PDB file of N, CA and C in Angstrom:
ATOM      1  N   MET A   1      -6.285  -3.891  36.645  1.00  0.00           N
ATOM      2  CA  MET A   1      -6.501  -5.447  37.217  1.00  0.00           C
ATOM      3  C   MET A   1      -5.179  -5.959  37.585  1.00  0.00           C
ATOM      4  N   TYR A   2      -5.093  -6.815  38.790  1.00  0.00           N
ATOM      5  CA  TYR A   2      -4.195  -7.211  39.340  1.00  0.00           C
ATOM      6  C   TYR A   2      -4.465  -9.070  39.649  1.00  0.00           C
ATOM      7  N   LYS A   3      -3.520  -9.789  39.775  1.00  0.00           N
ATOM      8  CA  LYS A   3      -3.410 -11.157  39.817  1.00  0.00           C
ATOM      9  C   LYS A   3      -2.588 -11.264  41.407  1.00  0.00           C
ATOM     10  N   ILE A   4      -3.406 -11.691  42.489  1.00  0.00           N
ATOM     11  CA  ILE A   4      -2.532 -12.070  43.592  1.00  0.00           C
ATOM     12  C   ILE A   4      -1.712 -13.297  43.563  1.00  0.00           C
ATOM     13  N   LYS A   5      -0.249 -13.119  43.293  1.00  0.00           N
ATOM     14  CA  LYS A   5       0.429 -14.003  42.837  1.00  0.00           C
ATOM     15  C   LYS A   5       0.815 -14.759  44.050  1.00  0.00           C
ATOM     16  N   GLY A   6       0.825 -14.430  45.531  1.00  0.00           N
ATOM     17  CA  GLY A   6       1.401 -15.063  46.748  1.00  0.00           C
ATOM     18  C   GLY A   6       0.875 -13.813  47.734  1.00  0.00           C
ATOM     19  N   ILE A   7       0.802 -14.813  49.016  1.00  0.00           N
ATOM     20  CA  ILE A   7       0.426 -13.771  50.016  1.00  0.00           C
ATOM     21  C   ILE A   7       1.643 -14.805  51.121  1.00  0.00           C
ATOM     22  N   TYR A   8       2.270 -13.830  51.817  1.00  0.00           N
ATOM     23  CA  TYR A   8       3.397 -14.132  52.753  1.00  0.00           C
ATOM     24  C   TYR A   8       3.425 -13.704  54.093  1.00  0.00           C
ATOM     25  N   HIS A   9       3.891 -14.048  54.832  1.00  0.00           N
ATOM     26  CA  HIS A   9       4.289 -13.456  56.366  1.00  0.00           C
ATOM     27  C   HIS A   9       5.572 -12.496  56.452  1.00  0.00           C
ATOM     28  N   ASN A  10       5.193 -11.259  56.776  1.00  0.00           N
ATOM     29  CA  ASN A  10       5.910 -10.207  56.581  1.00  0.00           C
ATOM     30  C   ASN A  10       6.904 -10.479  58.131  1.00  0.00           C
ATOM     31  N   GLY A  11       7.214 -11.418  58.837  1.00  0.00           N
ATOM     32  CA  GLY A  11       7.825 -11.582  59.969  1.00  0.00           C
ATOM     33  C   GLY A  11       7.362 -11.488  61.252  1.00  0.00           C
ATOM     34  N   ARG A  12       6.018 -10.753  61.226  1.00  0.00           N
ATOM     35  CA  ARG A  12       5.464 -10.620  63.021  1.00  0.00           C
ATOM     36  C   ARG A  12       4.954 -11.825  63.257  1.00  0.00           C
ATOM     37  N   LYS A  13       4.433 -12.710  62.466  1.00  0.00           N
ATOM     38  CA  LYS A  13       3.525 -13.967  63.033  1.00  0.00           C
ATOM     39  C   LYS A  13       4.163 -15.024  62.177  1.00  0.00           C
ATOM     40  N   GLY A  14       5.377 -14.990  61.276  1.00  0.00           N
ATOM     41  CA  GLY A  14       6.053 -16.345  60.996  1.00  0.00           C
ATOM     42  C   GLY A  14       7.230 -15.670  60.042  1.00  0.00           C
ATOM     43  N   PRO A  15       8.193 -16.632  59.725  1.00  0.00           N
ATOM     44  CA  PRO A  15       9.415 -16.180  59.229  1.00  0.00           C
ATOM     45  C   PRO A  15       9.013 -15.163  57.714  1.00  0.00           C
ATOM     46  N   ARG A  16       9.779 -14.266  57.847  1.00  0.00           N
ATOM     47  CA  ARG A  16       9.383 -13.465  56.455  1.00  0.00           C
ATOM     48  C   ARG A  16       9.520 -13.876  55.216  1.00  0.00           C
ATOM     49  N   MET A  17       8.703 -14.084  54.306  1.00  0.00           N
ATOM     50  CA  MET A  17       8.311 -14.780  52.900  1.00  0.00           C
ATOM     51  C   MET A  17       8.120 -16.150  53.115  1.00  0.00           C
ATOM     52  N   GLU A  18       7.644 -16.419  54.117  1.00  0.00           N
ATOM     53  CA  GLU A  18       7.165 -17.751  54.167  1.00  0.00           C
ATOM     54  C   GLU A  18       5.660 -17.518  54.099  1.00  0.00           C
ATOM     55  N   PRO A  19       4.962 -18.691  52.973  1.00  0.00           N
ATOM     56  CA  PRO A  19       3.535 -18.390  52.405  1.00  0.00           C
ATOM     57  C   PRO A  19       2.888 -18.559  53.864  1.00  0.00           C
ATOM     58  N   VAL A  20       1.673 -17.645  53.759  1.00  0.00           N
ATOM     59  CA  VAL A  20       0.887 -17.654  54.634  1.00  0.00           C
ATOM     60  C   VAL A  20      -0.331 -19.016  54.818  1.00  0.00           C
ATOM     61  N   THR A  21      -0.515 -19.713  55.805  1.00  0.00           N
ATOM     62  CA  THR A  21      -1.138 -20.942  55.452  1.00  0.00           C
ATOM     63  C   THR A  21      -2.709 -20.777  56.373  1.00  0.00           C
ATOM     64  N   ASP A  22      -2.837 -19.450  56.816  1.00  0.00           N
ATOM     65  CA  ASP A  22      -3.973 -19.232  57.829  1.00  0.00           C
ATOM     66  C   ASP A  22      -5.254 -19.165  56.981  1.00  0.00           C
ATOM     67  N   ALA A  23      -6.418 -20.050  57.500  1.00  0.00           N
ATOM     68  CA  ALA A  23      -7.509 -20.296  56.513  1.00  0.00           C
ATOM     69  C   ALA A  23      -8.258 -19.290  55.805  1.00  0.00           C
ATOM     70  N   LYS A  24      -7.746 -18.219  56.842  1.00  0.00           N
ATOM     71  CA  LYS A  24      -8.624 -16.684  56.335  1.00  0.00           C
ATOM     72  C   LYS A  24      -8.157 -16.327  54.649  1.00  0.00           C
ATOM     73  N   TYR A  25      -7.009 -16.957  54.410  1.00  0.00           N
ATOM     74  CA  TYR A  25      -6.466 -16.533  53.191  1.00  0.00           C
ATOM     75  C   TYR A  25      -6.561 -17.522  52.317  1.00  0.00           C
ATOM     76  N   ASP A  26      -7.572 -18.688  52.406  1.00  0.00           N
ATOM     77  CA  ASP A  26      -7.417 -19.755  51.582  1.00  0.00           C
ATOM     78  C   ASP A  26      -8.453 -19.162  50.218  1.00  0.00           C
ATOM     79  N   GLY A  27      -7.801 -19.515  49.291  1.00  0.00           N
ATOM     80  CA  GLY A  27      -8.514 -19.227  47.859  1.00  0.00           C
ATOM     81  C   GLY A  27      -8.085 -17.846  47.255  1.00  0.00           C
ATOM     82  N   LEU A  28      -7.145 -17.118  48.280  1.00  0.00           N
ATOM     83  CA  LEU A  28      -7.103 -15.454  47.694  1.00  0.00           C
ATOM     84  C   LEU A  28      -5.833 -15.591  46.496  1.00  0.00           C
ATOM     85  N   ALA A  29      -4.811 -16.303  47.120  1.00  0.00           N
ATOM     86  CA  ALA A  29      -3.768 -16.575  45.983  1.00  0.00           C
ATOM     87  C   ALA A  29      -4.265 -17.113  44.399  1.00  0.00           C
ATOM     88  N   GLY A  30      -4.139 -16.352  43.524  1.00  0.00           N
ATOM     89  CA  GLY A  30      -4.307 -16.750  42.203  1.00  0.00           C
ATOM     90  C   GLY A  30      -5.545 -15.734  41.692  1.00  0.00           C
ATOM     91  N   CYS A  31      -6.193 -15.289  42.495  1.00  0.00           N
ATOM     92  CA  CYS A  31      -7.432 -14.265  42.210  1.00  0.00           C
ATOM     93  C   CYS A  31      -6.962 -13.305  41.373  1.00  0.00           C
ATOM     94  N   ARG A  32      -7.811 -12.858  40.749  1.00  0.00           N
ATOM     95  CA  ARG A  32      -7.718 -11.335  40.051  1.00  0.00           C
ATOM     96  C   ARG A  32      -8.591 -10.456  40.786  1.00  0.00           C
ATOM     97  N   ILE A  33      -8.013  -9.039  40.899  1.00  0.00           N
ATOM     98  CA  ILE A  33      -8.586  -7.845  41.864  1.00  0.00           C
ATOM     99  C   ILE A  33      -8.601  -6.836  41.265  1.00  0.00           C
ATOM    100  N   LEU A  34      -9.574  -6.057  41.426  1.00  0.00           N
ATOM    101  CA  LEU A  34      -9.594  -4.767  41.011  1.00  0.00           C
ATOM    102  C   LEU A  34      -8.951  -3.972  42.232  1.00  0.00           C
ATOM    103  N   TRP A  35      -7.832  -3.226  42.022  1.00  0.00           N
ATOM    104  CA  TRP A  35      -7.492  -2.584  43.249  1.00  0.00           C
ATOM    105  C   TRP A  35      -7.324  -0.694  42.497  1.00  0.00           C
ATOM    106  N   ASP A  36      -7.476   0.157  43.227  1.00  0.00           N
ATOM    107  CA  ASP A  36      -6.978   1.595  42.758  1.00  0.00           C
ATOM    108  C   ASP A  36      -5.706   1.701  43.517  1.00  0.00           C
ATOM    109  N   ILE A  37      -4.687   1.531  42.712  1.00  0.00           N
ATOM    110  CA  ILE A  37      -3.035   1.674  43.355  1.00  0.00           C
ATOM    111  C   ILE A  37      -3.122   3.271  43.724  1.00  0.00           C
ATOM    112  N   SER A  38      -3.933   4.076  43.106  1.00  0.00           N
ATOM    113  CA  SER A  38      -3.606   5.699  43.245  1.00  0.00           C
ATOM    114  C   SER A  38      -4.286   6.078  44.534  1.00  0.00           C
ATOM    115  N   GLU A  39      -5.201   5.129  45.246  1.00  0.00           N
ATOM    116  CA  GLU A  39      -5.953   5.565  46.512  1.00  0.00           C
ATOM    117  C   GLU A  39      -5.013   5.161  47.865  1.00  0.00           C
ATOM    118  N   LEU A  40      -3.853   4.404  47.590  1.00  0.00           N
ATOM    119  CA  LEU A  40      -2.973   3.965  48.576  1.00  0.00           C
ATOM    120  C   LEU A  40      -2.415   4.949  49.538  1.00  0.00           C
ATOM    121  N   LYS A  41      -2.591   4.854  50.683  1.00  0.00           N
ATOM    122  CA  LYS A  41      -2.183   5.322  51.740  1.00  0.00           C
ATOM    123  C   LYS A  41      -1.309   4.650  52.894  1.00  0.00           C
ATOM    124  N   GLN A  42      -0.077   5.386  53.231  1.00  0.00           N
ATOM    125  CA  GLN A  42       0.548   4.409  54.268  1.00  0.00           C
ATOM    126  C   GLN A  42      -0.136   4.648  55.307  1.00  0.00           C
ATOM    127  N   PHE A  43       0.098   3.719  56.309  1.00  0.00           N
ATOM    128  CA  PHE A  43      -0.736   3.372  57.824  1.00  0.00           C
ATOM    129  C   PHE A  43      -2.174   3.466  57.514  1.00  0.00           C
ATOM    130  N   LYS A  44      -2.745   3.220  56.682  1.00  0.00           N
ATOM    131  CA  LYS A  44      -4.091   2.907  55.990  1.00  0.00           C
ATOM    132  C   LYS A  44      -4.508   1.653  55.385  1.00  0.00           C
ATOM    133  N   SER A  45      -5.576   1.130  55.501  1.00  0.00           N
ATOM    134  CA  SER A  45      -5.873  -0.165  55.211  1.00  0.00           C
ATOM    135  C   SER A  45      -6.473   0.023  53.719  1.00  0.00           C
ATOM    136  N   THR A  46      -6.382  -1.008  52.881  1.00  0.00           N
ATOM    137  CA  THR A  46      -6.250  -0.829  51.592  1.00  0.00           C
ATOM    138  C   THR A  46      -7.294  -1.850  50.942  1.00  0.00           C
ATOM    139  N   THR A  47      -8.334  -1.815  50.041  1.00  0.00           N
ATOM    140  CA  THR A  47      -9.151  -2.620  49.642  1.00  0.00           C
ATOM    141  C   THR A  47      -8.861  -3.245  48.408  1.00  0.00           C
ATOM    142  N   PHE A  48      -9.342  -4.553  48.322  1.00  0.00           N
ATOM    143  CA  PHE A  48      -9.162  -5.258  46.860  1.00  0.00           C
ATOM    144  C   PHE A  48     -10.608  -5.694  46.643  1.00  0.00           C
ATOM    145  N   LYS A  49     -11.113  -5.630  45.529  1.00  0.00           N
ATOM    146  CA  LYS A  49     -12.164  -6.309  45.013  1.00  0.00           C
ATOM    147  C   LYS A  49     -11.909  -7.447  44.378  1.00  0.00           C
ATOM    148  N   ILE A  50     -12.435  -8.595  44.912  1.00  0.00           N
ATOM    149  CA  ILE A  50     -11.851  -9.826  44.241  1.00  0.00           C
ATOM    150  C   ILE A  50     -12.902 -10.113  43.137  1.00  0.00           C
ATOM    151  N   ILE A  51     -12.291 -10.505  42.039  1.00  0.00           N
ATOM    152  CA  ILE A  51     -13.535 -10.941  41.081  1.00  0.00           C
ATOM    153  C   ILE A  51     -13.367 -12.178  40.593  1.00  0.00           C
ATOM    154  N   ASP A  52     -12.654 -13.095  41.097  1.00  0.00           N
ATOM    155  CA  ASP A  52     -12.389 -14.845  40.904  1.00  0.00           C
ATOM    156  C   ASP A  52     -13.274 -15.439  41.934  1.00  0.00           C
ATOM    157  N   ASP A  53     -14.120 -14.897  42.452  1.00  0.00           N
ATOM    158  CA  ASP A  53     -14.940 -15.983  43.589  1.00  0.00           C
ATOM    159  C   ASP A  53     -15.919 -16.709  43.065  1.00  0.00           C
ATOM    160  N   PHE A  54     -16.244 -17.836  43.550  1.00  0.00           N
ATOM    161  CA  PHE A  54     -17.306 -18.659  42.994  1.00  0.00           C
ATOM    162  C   PHE A  54     -18.634 -17.994  42.907  1.00  0.00           C
ATOM    163  N   PHE A  55     -18.590 -17.323  44.059  1.00  0.00           N
ATOM    164  CA  PHE A  55     -20.322 -16.695  44.543  1.00  0.00           C
ATOM    165  C   PHE A  55     -20.175 -15.225  44.188  1.00  0.00           C
ATOM    166  N   GLY A  56     -19.380 -14.862  43.441  1.00  0.00           N
ATOM    167  CA  GLY A  56     -19.313 -13.657  43.029  1.00  0.00           C
ATOM    168  C   GLY A  56     -18.339 -12.986  43.488  1.00  0.00           C
ATOM    169  N   SER A  57     -18.241 -11.362  42.951  1.00  0.00           N
ATOM    170  CA  SER A  57     -17.332 -10.573  43.501  1.00  0.00           C
ATOM    171  C   SER A  57     -17.227 -10.367  45.138  1.00  0.00           C
ATOM    172  N   TRP A  58     -16.209  -9.743  45.867  1.00  0.00           N
ATOM    173  CA  TRP A  58     -16.501  -9.581  47.092  1.00  0.00           C
ATOM    174  C   TRP A  58     -15.249  -8.530  47.265  1.00  0.00           C
ATOM    175  N   ARG A  59     -15.239  -8.009  48.674  1.00  0.00           N
ATOM    176  CA  ARG A  59     -14.019  -7.134  48.948  1.00  0.00           C
ATOM    177  C   ARG A  59     -13.061  -7.947  49.988  1.00  0.00           C
ATOM    178  N   TRP A  60     -11.815  -7.300  50.319  1.00  0.00           N
ATOM    179  CA  TRP A  60     -10.899  -7.931  50.813  1.00  0.00           C
ATOM    180  C   TRP A  60     -10.291  -6.586  51.532  1.00  0.00           C
ATOM    181  N   TYR A  61     -10.171  -6.356  53.047  1.00  0.00           N
ATOM    182  CA  TYR A  61      -9.633  -5.388  53.453  1.00  0.00           C
ATOM    183  C   TYR A  61      -8.383  -5.646  53.924  1.00  0.00           C
ATOM    184  N   THR A  62      -7.142  -5.146  53.775  1.00  0.00           N
ATOM    185  CA  THR A  62      -6.151  -5.450  54.238  1.00  0.00           C
ATOM    186  C   THR A  62      -5.811  -4.764  55.626  1.00  0.00           C
ATOM    187  N   SER A  63      -4.966  -5.250  56.149  1.00  0.00           N
ATOM    188  CA  SER A  63      -4.218  -4.540  57.463  1.00  0.00           C
ATOM    189  C   SER A  63      -3.649  -3.331  57.062  1.00  0.00           C
ATOM    190  N   GLU A  64      -3.254  -2.050  58.107  1.00  0.00           N
ATOM    191  CA  GLU A  64      -2.614  -0.953  57.593  1.00  0.00           C
ATOM    192  C   GLU A  64      -1.084  -1.270  56.480  1.00  0.00           C
ATOM    193  N   VAL A  65      -1.312  -0.491  55.559  1.00  0.00           N
ATOM    194  CA  VAL A  65      -0.234  -0.234  54.685  1.00  0.00           C
ATOM    195  C   VAL A  65       0.968   0.021  55.161  1.00  0.00           C
ATOM    196  N   LEU A  66       2.207  -0.638  55.135  1.00  0.00           N
ATOM    197  CA  LEU A  66       3.507  -0.182  55.244  1.00  0.00           C
ATOM    198  C   LEU A  66       4.162   0.300  54.133  1.00  0.00           C
ATOM    199  N   GLN A  67       4.114  -0.316  53.172  1.00  0.00           N
ATOM    200  CA  GLN A  67       4.871   0.066  52.320  1.00  0.00           C
ATOM    201  C   GLN A  67       4.545  -0.710  50.679  1.00  0.00           C
ATOM    202  N   LEU A  68       4.635  -0.068  49.613  1.00  0.00           N
ATOM    203  CA  LEU A  68       4.380  -0.606  48.108  1.00  0.00           C
ATOM    204  C   LEU A  68       5.918  -0.689  47.666  1.00  0.00           C
ATOM    205  N   THR A  69       6.479  -1.744  47.048  1.00  0.00           N
ATOM    206  CA  THR A  69       7.709  -1.774  46.455  1.00  0.00           C
ATOM    207  C   THR A  69       7.288  -2.237  44.924  1.00  0.00           C
ATOM    208  N   LYS A  70       7.697  -1.617  43.978  1.00  0.00           N
ATOM    209  CA  LYS A  70       7.369  -2.308  42.612  1.00  0.00           C
ATOM    210  C   LYS A  70       8.771  -3.032  42.336  1.00  0.00           C
ATOM    211  N   ARG A  71       8.600  -4.397  42.103  1.00  0.00           N
ATOM    212  CA  ARG A  71       9.775  -5.234  41.954  1.00  0.00           C
ATOM    213  C   ARG A  71      10.398  -5.453  40.427  1.00  0.00           C
ATOM    214  N   ASP A  72       9.365  -5.179  39.387  1.00  0.00           N
ATOM    215  CA  ASP A  72       9.870  -4.959  38.174  1.00  0.00           C
ATOM    216  C   ASP A  72       8.532  -4.508  37.596  1.00  0.00           C
ATOM    217  N   GLU A  73       8.612  -4.449  36.154  1.00  0.00           N
ATOM    218  CA  GLU A  73       7.501  -3.629  35.225  1.00  0.00           C
ATOM    219  C   GLU A  73       6.247  -3.922  35.723  1.00  0.00           C
ATOM    220  N   LYS A  74       5.857  -5.260  36.422  1.00  0.00           N
ATOM    221  CA  LYS A  74       4.538  -5.479  36.619  1.00  0.00           C
ATOM    222  C   LYS A  74       4.450  -6.173  37.918  1.00  0.00           C
ATOM    223  N   ILE A  75       5.212  -6.359  38.500  1.00  0.00           N
ATOM    224  CA  ILE A  75       5.199  -6.749  39.982  1.00  0.00           C
ATOM    225  C   ILE A  75       5.490  -6.196  41.108  1.00  0.00           C
ATOM    226  N   TYR A  76       4.406  -5.976  42.249  1.00  0.00           N
ATOM    227  CA  TYR A  76       4.593  -5.180  43.176  1.00  0.00           C
ATOM    228  C   TYR A  76       4.656  -5.954  44.335  1.00  0.00           C
ATOM    229  N   GLU A  77       5.008  -5.721  45.582  1.00  0.00           N
ATOM    230  CA  GLU A  77       4.976  -6.138  46.804  1.00  0.00           C
ATOM    231  C   GLU A  77       4.340  -5.208  47.671  1.00  0.00           C
ATOM    232  N   LEU A  78       3.035  -5.389  48.347  1.00  0.00           N
ATOM    233  CA  LEU A  78       2.596  -4.587  49.256  1.00  0.00           C
ATOM    234  C   LEU A  78       2.520  -5.436  50.488  1.00  0.00           C
ATOM    235  N   GLU A  79       3.259  -4.634  51.211  1.00  0.00           N
ATOM    236  CA  GLU A  79       3.531  -4.867  52.750  1.00  0.00           C
ATOM    237  C   GLU A  79       2.271  -4.212  53.656  1.00  0.00           C
ATOM    238  N   THR A  80       2.030  -5.159  54.534  1.00  0.00           N
ATOM    239  CA  THR A  80       0.955  -4.745  55.419  1.00  0.00           C
ATOM    240  C   THR A  80       1.358  -4.905  56.747  1.00  0.00           C
ATOM    241  N   ALA A  81       0.456  -4.457  57.934  1.00  0.00           N
ATOM    242  CA  ALA A  81       0.862  -5.025  59.127  1.00  0.00           C
ATOM    243  C   ALA A  81       1.195  -6.126  59.516  1.00  0.00           C
ATOM    244  N   SER A  82       0.557  -7.220  58.650  1.00  0.00           N
ATOM    245  CA  SER A  82       0.498  -8.375  59.039  1.00  0.00           C
ATOM    246  C   SER A  82       0.958  -9.201  57.915  1.00  0.00           C
ATOM    247  N   THR A  83       0.964  -8.895  56.909  1.00  0.00           N
ATOM    248  CA  THR A  83       0.958  -9.672  55.501  1.00  0.00           C
ATOM    249  C   THR A  83       1.951  -8.930  54.246  1.00  0.00           C
ATOM    250  N   ILE A  84       2.423  -9.821  53.620  1.00  0.00           N
ATOM    251  CA  ILE A  84       3.107  -9.054  52.417  1.00  0.00           C
ATOM    252  C   ILE A  84       2.179  -9.791  51.028  1.00  0.00           C
ATOM    253  N   TYR A  85       1.941  -9.111  50.178  1.00  0.00           N
ATOM    254  CA  TYR A  85       0.911  -9.614  49.079  1.00  0.00           C
ATOM    255  C   TYR A  85       1.616  -9.237  47.710  1.00  0.00           C
ATOM    256  N   VAL A  86       2.227 -10.315  47.211  1.00  0.00           N
ATOM    257  CA  VAL A  86       2.925 -10.144  45.546  1.00  0.00           C
ATOM    258  C   VAL A  86       1.564 -10.081  44.825  1.00  0.00           C
ATOM    259  N   LEU A  87       2.105  -8.893  43.725  1.00  0.00           N
ATOM    260  CA  LEU A  87       0.481  -8.504  42.731  1.00  0.00           C
ATOM    261  C   LEU A  87       1.245  -8.417  41.716  1.00  0.00           C
ATOM    262  N   GLU A  88       0.453  -9.003  40.665  1.00  0.00           N
ATOM    263  CA  GLU A  88       0.827  -8.895  39.179  1.00  0.00           C
ATOM    264  C   GLU A  88       0.007  -8.181  38.510  1.00  0.00           C
ATOM    265  N   GLU A  89       0.434  -6.878  37.962  1.00  0.00           N
ATOM    266  CA  GLU A  89      -0.656  -6.020  36.982  1.00  0.00           C
ATOM    267  C   GLU A  89      -0.957  -6.724  35.588  1.00  0.00           C
ATOM    268  N   LEU A  90      -1.917  -6.982  35.309  1.00  0.00           N
ATOM    269  CA  LEU A  90      -2.353  -7.583  34.232  1.00  0.00           C
ATOM    270  C   LEU A  90      -2.518  -6.514  33.079  1.00  0.00           C
ATOM    271  N   ASP A  91      -2.369  -7.245  32.038  1.00  0.00           N
ATOM    272  CA  ASP A  91      -2.258  -6.026  30.493  1.00  0.00           C
ATOM    273  C   ASP A  91      -3.488  -6.019  30.291  1.00  0.00           C
ATOM    274  N   GLY A  92      -3.808  -4.808  29.475  1.00  0.00           N
ATOM    275  CA  GLY A  92      -5.440  -4.105  29.375  1.00  0.00           C
ATOM    276  C   GLY A  92      -6.232  -3.464  30.325  1.00  0.00           C
ATOM    277  N   ASP A  93      -5.746  -3.393  31.504  1.00  0.00           N
ATOM    278  CA  ASP A  93      -6.804  -3.353  32.759  1.00  0.00           C
ATOM    279  C   ASP A  93      -6.047  -2.287  33.803  1.00  0.00           C
TER     280      ASP A  93
END
C-alpha cells in the first residue's frame, strides 16, 4: 500500500515540480492506494486502486510511465507523460 504525498507538473504543462491544480486531481493527494509496482512498464499506463474515496474504492489510470525513481527507503517519484506522483510506501502492506 502507498500514500500519494503529492502530484506535480513534469514540466510539460507547468513548471517542473509545481503542484498540479487541475480539478481532475482534486482529492488524490493524501489518498492511500493499492499499486502493484512489479507490473510497472515504461511507456505504458499504470493503475492505482484508490481506497480512501468517500464513495468507495475506484481506479486511477496514469498517462504513460517515463520513469520511477526511489528517493529514499519509502519514497518514490513516478514520472508519467503528464505528471509526477510522489508516493510513500506504507508499513505492513
